[in-house]
Amino acid sequence: MSESAPVAIALDRKTHYSALMSDQNLDRKVRTVVILVTIGTIAWLIAGLISVVIGTDAKITWTCVFGAALGATGVRYSIRRAKRSGI
């Protein structure tokens, strides 16, 4: 059984990761995340309204309420995180 030496990788400051995580890209990604979560929250609200109008089970209505509440929490969290990180 042969032993192999550990491989060391030297990373400089201009790596692919740092190019992906530039301020401009992060700002665009944060806006995209907030828009996506907002669309999901609106979808839960519409589904909740439809479930109330057609008179479905309480379980379905409460699922929509909790989905919308978690979506609103996600929007708030995403915006707070973006402001905190200085984007």
Protein backbone atom coordinates (compact mmCIF):
# COMPACT_ATOMS: atom_id res chain seq x y z
CA MET A 1 0.00 0.00 0.00
CA SER A 2 1.56 3.25 -1.05
CA GLU A 3 1.18 6.45 0.90
CA SER A 4 0.40 9.63 -0.95
CA ALA A 5 1.47 13.06 0.20
CA PRO A 6 -1.27 15.55 1.08
CA VAL A 7 -2.02 17.94 -1.70
CA ALA A 8 -1.82 21.63 -0.88
CA ILE A 9 -3.69 24.12 -2.98
CA ALA A 10 -2.59 27.72 -2.91
CA LEU A 11 -5.42 30.18 -3.44
CA ASP A 12 -4.77 33.75 -4.35
CA ARG A 13 -7.15 36.66 -3.83
CA LYS A 14 -8.48 36.56 -7.38
CA THR A 15 -10.20 33.19 -7.31
CA HIS A 16 -13.33 32.22 -9.13
CA TYR A 17 -15.25 32.40 -5.85
CA SER A 18 -14.27 36.00 -5.20
CA ALA A 19 -15.39 36.94 -8.70
CA LEU A 20 -18.76 35.32 -8.08
CA MET A 21 -19.18 37.07 -4.75
CA SER A 22 -18.52 40.62 -5.89
CA ASP A 23 -20.71 43.38 -4.49
CA GLN A 24 -22.62 43.82 -7.72
CA ASN A 25 -23.44 40.13 -7.98
CA LEU A 26 -24.47 39.93 -4.32
CA ASP A 27 -26.79 42.91 -4.70
CA ARG A 28 -28.46 41.30 -7.70
CA LYS A 29 -28.74 37.95 -5.90
CA VAL A 30 -30.31 39.56 -2.83
CA ARG A 31 -32.88 41.34 -5.00
CA THR A 32 -33.61 38.08 -6.80
CA VAL A 33 -34.10 36.24 -3.51
CA VAL A 34 -36.40 38.92 -2.12
CA ILE A 35 -38.47 38.94 -5.32
CA LEU A 36 -38.72 35.14 -5.33
CA VAL A 37 -39.80 34.95 -1.68
CA THR A 38 -42.29 37.78 -2.23
CA ILE A 39 -43.85 35.96 -5.18
CA GLY A 40 -44.17 32.82 -3.06
CA THR A 41 -45.78 34.79 -0.23
CA ILE A 42 -48.28 36.36 -2.63
CA ALA A 43 -49.07 32.89 -3.99
CA TRP A 44 -49.83 31.65 -0.45
CA LEU A 45 -52.07 34.67 0.15
CA ILE A 46 -54.00 34.07 -3.08
CA ALA A 47 -54.35 30.37 -2.27
CA GLY A 48 -55.62 31.30 1.20
CA LEU A 49 -58.20 33.68 -0.23
CA ILE A 50 -59.39 31.06 -2.68
CA SER A 51 -59.63 28.45 0.06
CA VAL A 52 -61.75 30.79 2.21
CA VAL A 53 -64.02 31.71 -0.70
CA ILE A 54 -64.72 28.13 -1.78
CA GLY A 55 -64.99 26.92 1.83
CA THR A 56 -62.30 24.26 2.06
CA ASP A 57 -61.18 22.50 5.22
CA ALA A 58 -59.61 24.53 7.99
CA LYS A 59 -56.41 22.54 7.55
CA ILE A 60 -55.89 23.92 4.04
CA THR A 61 -56.70 27.48 5.09
CA TRP A 62 -54.29 27.35 8.03
CA THR A 63 -51.59 25.90 5.79
CA CYS A 64 -51.96 28.95 3.54
CA VAL A 65 -51.89 31.31 6.53
CA PHE A 66 -48.70 29.76 7.88
CA GLY A 67 -47.12 29.69 4.41
CA ALA A 68 -47.80 33.41 3.99
CA ALA A 69 -46.50 34.17 7.49
CA LEU A 70 -43.28 32.23 6.89
CA GLY A 71 -42.90 33.96 3.52
CA ALA A 72 -43.25 37.38 5.16
CA THR A 73 -40.64 36.34 7.70
CA GLY A 74 -38.35 35.25 4.85
CA VAL A 75 -38.72 38.61 3.07
CA ARG A 76 -37.95 40.48 6.27
CA TYR A 77 -34.97 38.26 7.03
CA SER A 78 -33.53 38.61 3.53
CA ILE A 79 -33.78 42.40 3.59
CA ARG A 80 -32.27 42.60 7.11
CA ARG A 81 -29.42 40.30 6.14
CA ALA A 82 -28.66 42.37 3.05
CA LYS A 83 -28.55 45.58 5.08
CA ARG A 84 -26.38 43.98 7.74
CA SER A 85 -23.81 42.72 5.30
CA GLY A 86 -23.44 46.19 3.81
CA ILE A 87 -24.76 45.41 0.37
